Amino acid sequence: MTKIPPLTTTTSMDRAREAVTAMEAIIRELVADANAAGWGSKEVLNAIVETANKQRLAYEEDPDPSDGPAVDAVKDLQVGHGEVYD
Protein backbone atom coordinates (compact mmCIF):
# COMPACT_ATOMS: atom_id res chain seq x y z
CA MET A 1 0.00 0.00 0.00
CA THR A 2 1.12 3.54 -0.74
CA LYS A 3 2.67 5.31 2.23
CA ILE A 4 1.10 8.55 3.40
CA PRO A 5 3.54 11.40 2.78
CA PRO A 6 4.44 13.57 5.77
CA LEU A 7 2.64 16.87 6.23
CA THR A 8 4.62 19.82 4.88
CA THR A 9 2.26 22.81 5.28
CA THR A 10 0.87 24.68 8.27
CA THR A 11 -2.15 26.72 7.15
CA SER A 12 -5.55 25.04 7.32
CA MET A 13 -6.30 25.61 3.61
CA ASP A 14 -2.95 24.14 2.57
CA ARG A 15 -3.33 21.24 5.03
CA ALA A 16 -6.76 20.40 3.60
CA ARG A 17 -5.44 20.49 0.03
CA GLU A 18 -2.40 18.42 0.99
CA ALA A 19 -4.59 15.86 2.78
CA VAL A 20 -6.72 15.43 -0.36
CA THR A 21 -3.62 14.97 -2.50
CA ALA A 22 -2.20 12.41 -0.06
CA MET A 23 -5.45 10.43 0.08
CA GLU A 24 -6.03 10.46 -3.69
CA ALA A 25 -3.08 8.16 -4.39
CA ILE A 26 -4.13 5.77 -1.64
CA ILE A 27 -7.75 5.67 -2.80
CA ARG A 28 -6.71 5.09 -6.43
CA GLU A 29 -4.57 2.16 -5.29
CA LEU A 30 -7.37 0.82 -3.07
CA VAL A 31 -9.89 1.00 -5.95
CA ALA A 32 -7.43 -0.74 -8.30
CA ASP A 33 -6.88 -3.52 -5.74
CA ALA A 34 -10.64 -3.88 -5.26
CA ASN A 35 -11.15 -3.98 -9.05
CA ALA A 36 -8.60 -6.78 -9.28
CA ALA A 37 -10.61 -8.65 -6.64
CA GLY A 38 -13.78 -8.29 -8.73
CA TRP A 39 -15.42 -5.22 -7.17
CA GLY A 40 -16.71 -2.39 -9.36
CA SER A 41 -15.18 1.07 -9.03
CA LYS A 42 -18.49 2.78 -8.28
CA GLU A 43 -19.46 0.35 -5.52
CA VAL A 44 -15.99 0.61 -3.97
CA LEU A 45 -16.06 4.41 -4.02
CA ASN A 46 -19.56 4.41 -2.51
CA ALA A 47 -18.33 2.08 0.24
CA ILE A 48 -15.34 4.35 0.89
CA VAL A 49 -17.62 7.39 1.23
CA GLU A 50 -20.01 5.54 3.56
CA THR A 51 -17.12 4.25 5.66
CA ALA A 52 -15.50 7.68 5.84
CA ASN A 53 -18.79 9.22 6.99
CA LYS A 54 -19.18 6.57 9.70
CA GLN A 55 -15.61 7.14 10.83
CA ARG A 56 -16.14 10.91 10.96
CA LEU A 57 -19.25 10.46 13.12
CA ALA A 58 -17.42 8.05 15.42
CA TYR A 59 -14.53 10.51 15.73
CA GLU A 60 -16.92 13.36 16.55
CA GLU A 61 -18.47 11.18 19.25
CA ASP A 62 -15.14 10.01 20.70
CA PRO A 63 -12.00 11.74 19.35
CA ASP A 64 -9.71 9.48 21.43
CA PRO A 65 -11.22 6.00 21.58
CA SER A 66 -8.03 4.59 23.09
CA ASP A 67 -8.82 6.27 26.42
CA GLY A 68 -11.88 4.12 27.16
CA PRO A 69 -13.75 0.96 26.23
CA ALA A 70 -14.62 0.30 22.63
CA VAL A 71 -18.16 1.21 21.60
CA ASP A 72 -18.94 -2.48 20.95
CA ALA A 73 -17.76 -3.34 24.45
CA VAL A 74 -20.06 -0.71 25.95
CA LYS A 75 -22.97 -1.99 23.85
CA ASP A 76 -22.33 -5.55 25.03
CA LEU A 77 -22.33 -4.40 28.64
CA GLN A 78 -25.68 -2.63 28.18
CA VAL A 79 -27.61 -5.37 26.41
CA GLY A 80 -30.07 -6.99 28.77
CA HIS A 81 -29.61 -4.46 31.54
CA GLY A 82 -32.49 -2.16 30.60
CA GLU A 83 -30.34 0.51 29.00
CA VAL A 84 -31.21 1.96 25.61
CA TYR A 85 -28.35 1.97 23.11
CA ASP A 86 -28.42 3.48 19.62
C-alpha atoms as a PDB file:
ATOM      1  CA  MET A   1       0.000   0.000   0.000  1.00  0.00           C
ATOM      2  CA  THR A   2       1.124   3.538  -0.741  1.00  0.00           C
ATOM      3  CA  LYS A   3       2.668   5.314   2.228  1.00  0.00           C
ATOM      4  CA  ILE A   4       1.099   8.547   3.402  1.00  0.00           C
ATOM      5  CA  PRO A   5       3.540  11.397   2.778  1.00  0.00           C
ATOM      6  CA  PRO A   6       4.442  13.571   5.766  1.00  0.00           C
ATOM      7  CA  LEU A   7       2.644  16.866   6.230  1.00  0.00           C
ATOM      8  CA  THR A   8       4.621  19.817   4.880  1.00  0.00           C
ATOM      9  CA  THR A   9       2.261  22.805   5.280  1.00  0.00           C
ATOM     10  CA  THR A  10       0.869  24.677   8.267  1.00  0.00           C
ATOM     11  CA  THR A  11      -2.148  26.718   7.150  1.00  0.00           C
ATOM     12  CA  SER A  12      -5.545  25.036   7.319  1.00  0.00           C
ATOM     13  CA  MET A  13      -6.298  25.605   3.607  1.00  0.00           C
ATOM     14  CA  ASP A  14      -2.951  24.136   2.571  1.00  0.00           C
ATOM     15  CA  ARG A  15      -3.335  21.244   5.030  1.00  0.00           C
ATOM     16  CA  ALA A  16      -6.764  20.397   3.604  1.00  0.00           C
ATOM     17  CA  ARG A  17      -5.439  20.485   0.035  1.00  0.00           C
ATOM     18  CA  GLU A  18      -2.397  18.420   0.994  1.00  0.00           C
ATOM     19  CA  ALA A  19      -4.587  15.861   2.776  1.00  0.00           C
ATOM     20  CA  VAL A  20      -6.716  15.430  -0.359  1.00  0.00           C
ATOM     21  CA  THR A  21      -3.620  14.965  -2.499  1.00  0.00           C
ATOM     22  CA  ALA A  22      -2.204  12.408  -0.058  1.00  0.00           C
ATOM     23  CA  MET A  23      -5.454  10.429   0.083  1.00  0.00           C
ATOM     24  CA  GLU A  24      -6.030  10.460  -3.693  1.00  0.00           C
ATOM     25  CA  ALA A  25      -3.083   8.165  -4.387  1.00  0.00           C
ATOM     26  CA  ILE A  26      -4.131   5.765  -1.641  1.00  0.00           C
ATOM     27  CA  ILE A  27      -7.748   5.675  -2.796  1.00  0.00           C
ATOM     28  CA  ARG A  28      -6.710   5.094  -6.430  1.00  0.00           C
ATOM     29  CA  GLU A  29      -4.572   2.160  -5.294  1.00  0.00           C
ATOM     30  CA  LEU A  30      -7.374   0.819  -3.073  1.00  0.00           C
ATOM     31  CA  VAL A  31      -9.890   1.001  -5.947  1.00  0.00           C
ATOM     32  CA  ALA A  32      -7.432  -0.738  -8.298  1.00  0.00           C
ATOM     33  CA  ASP A  33      -6.881  -3.519  -5.742  1.00  0.00           C
ATOM     34  CA  ALA A  34     -10.642  -3.881  -5.260  1.00  0.00           C
ATOM     35  CA  ASN A  35     -11.154  -3.977  -9.049  1.00  0.00           C
ATOM     36  CA  ALA A  36      -8.596  -6.779  -9.275  1.00  0.00           C
ATOM     37  CA  ALA A  37     -10.611  -8.650  -6.639  1.00  0.00           C
ATOM     38  CA  GLY A  38     -13.781  -8.293  -8.729  1.00  0.00           C
ATOM     39  CA  TRP A  39     -15.419  -5.217  -7.173  1.00  0.00           C
ATOM     40  CA  GLY A  40     -16.712  -2.391  -9.362  1.00  0.00           C
ATOM     41  CA  SER A  41     -15.176   1.070  -9.026  1.00  0.00           C
ATOM     42  CA  LYS A  42     -18.488   2.785  -8.283  1.00  0.00           C
ATOM     43  CA  GLU A  43     -19.464   0.353  -5.516  1.00  0.00           C
ATOM     44  CA  VAL A  44     -15.989   0.606  -3.970  1.00  0.00           C
ATOM     45  CA  LEU A  45     -16.056   4.414  -4.022  1.00  0.00           C
ATOM     46  CA  ASN A  46     -19.562   4.409  -2.515  1.00  0.00           C
ATOM     47  CA  ALA A  47     -18.332   2.077   0.235  1.00  0.00           C
ATOM     48  CA  ILE A  48     -15.339   4.347   0.888  1.00  0.00           C
ATOM     49  CA  VAL A  49     -17.622   7.393   1.226  1.00  0.00           C
ATOM     50  CA  GLU A  50     -20.005   5.536   3.562  1.00  0.00           C
ATOM     51  CA  THR A  51     -17.122   4.245   5.665  1.00  0.00           C
ATOM     52  CA  ALA A  52     -15.503   7.683   5.838  1.00  0.00           C
ATOM     53  CA  ASN A  53     -18.787   9.222   6.989  1.00  0.00           C
ATOM     54  CA  LYS A  54     -19.183   6.571   9.700  1.00  0.00           C
ATOM     55  CA  GLN A  55     -15.607   7.137  10.833  1.00  0.00           C
ATOM     56  CA  ARG A  56     -16.144  10.914  10.963  1.00  0.00           C
ATOM     57  CA  LEU A  57     -19.253  10.464  13.123  1.00  0.00           C
ATOM     58  CA  ALA A  58     -17.418   8.045  15.418  1.00  0.00           C
ATOM     59  CA  TYR A  59     -14.533  10.511  15.734  1.00  0.00           C
ATOM     60  CA  GLU A  60     -16.915  13.362  16.552  1.00  0.00           C
ATOM     61  CA  GLU A  61     -18.470  11.178  19.250  1.00  0.00           C
ATOM     62  CA  ASP A  62     -15.142  10.014  20.696  1.00  0.00           C
ATOM     63  CA  PRO A  63     -11.996  11.735  19.354  1.00  0.00           C
ATOM     64  CA  ASP A  64      -9.709   9.483  21.426  1.00  0.00           C
ATOM     65  CA  PRO A  65     -11.217   6.001  21.583  1.00  0.00           C
ATOM     66  CA  SER A  66      -8.029   4.594  23.093  1.00  0.00           C
ATOM     67  CA  ASP A  67      -8.822   6.267  26.423  1.00  0.00           C
ATOM     68  CA  GLY A  68     -11.877   4.122  27.163  1.00  0.00           C
ATOM     69  CA  PRO A  69     -13.753   0.964  26.233  1.00  0.00           C
ATOM     70  CA  ALA A  70     -14.621   0.299  22.626  1.00  0.00           C
ATOM     71  CA  VAL A  71     -18.164   1.208  21.599  1.00  0.00           C
ATOM     72  CA  ASP A  72     -18.941  -2.482  20.947  1.00  0.00           C
ATOM     73  CA  ALA A  73     -17.764  -3.345  24.454  1.00  0.00           C
ATOM     74  CA  VAL A  74     -20.061  -0.705  25.946  1.00  0.00           C
ATOM     75  CA  LYS A  75     -22.972  -1.994  23.850  1.00  0.00           C
ATOM     76  CA  ASP A  76     -22.330  -5.553  25.029  1.00  0.00           C
ATOM     77  CA  LEU A  77     -22.329  -4.396  28.641  1.00  0.00           C
ATOM     78  CA  GLN A  78     -25.680  -2.630  28.182  1.00  0.00           C
ATOM     79  CA  VAL A  79     -27.611  -5.365  26.414  1.00  0.00           C
ATOM     80  CA  GLY A  80     -30.069  -6.991  28.774  1.00  0.00           C
ATOM     81  CA  HIS A  81     -29.607  -4.455  31.539  1.00  0.00           C
ATOM     82  CA  GLY A  82     -32.494  -2.159  30.600  1.00  0.00           C
ATOM     83  CA  GLU A  83     -30.337   0.512  28.997  1.00  0.00           C
ATOM     84  CA  VAL A  84     -31.208   1.957  25.614  1.00  0.00           C
ATOM     85  CA  TYR A  85     -28.347   1.972  23.106  1.00  0.00           C
ATOM     86  CA  ASP A  86     -28.421   3.477  19.625  1.00  0.00           C
END
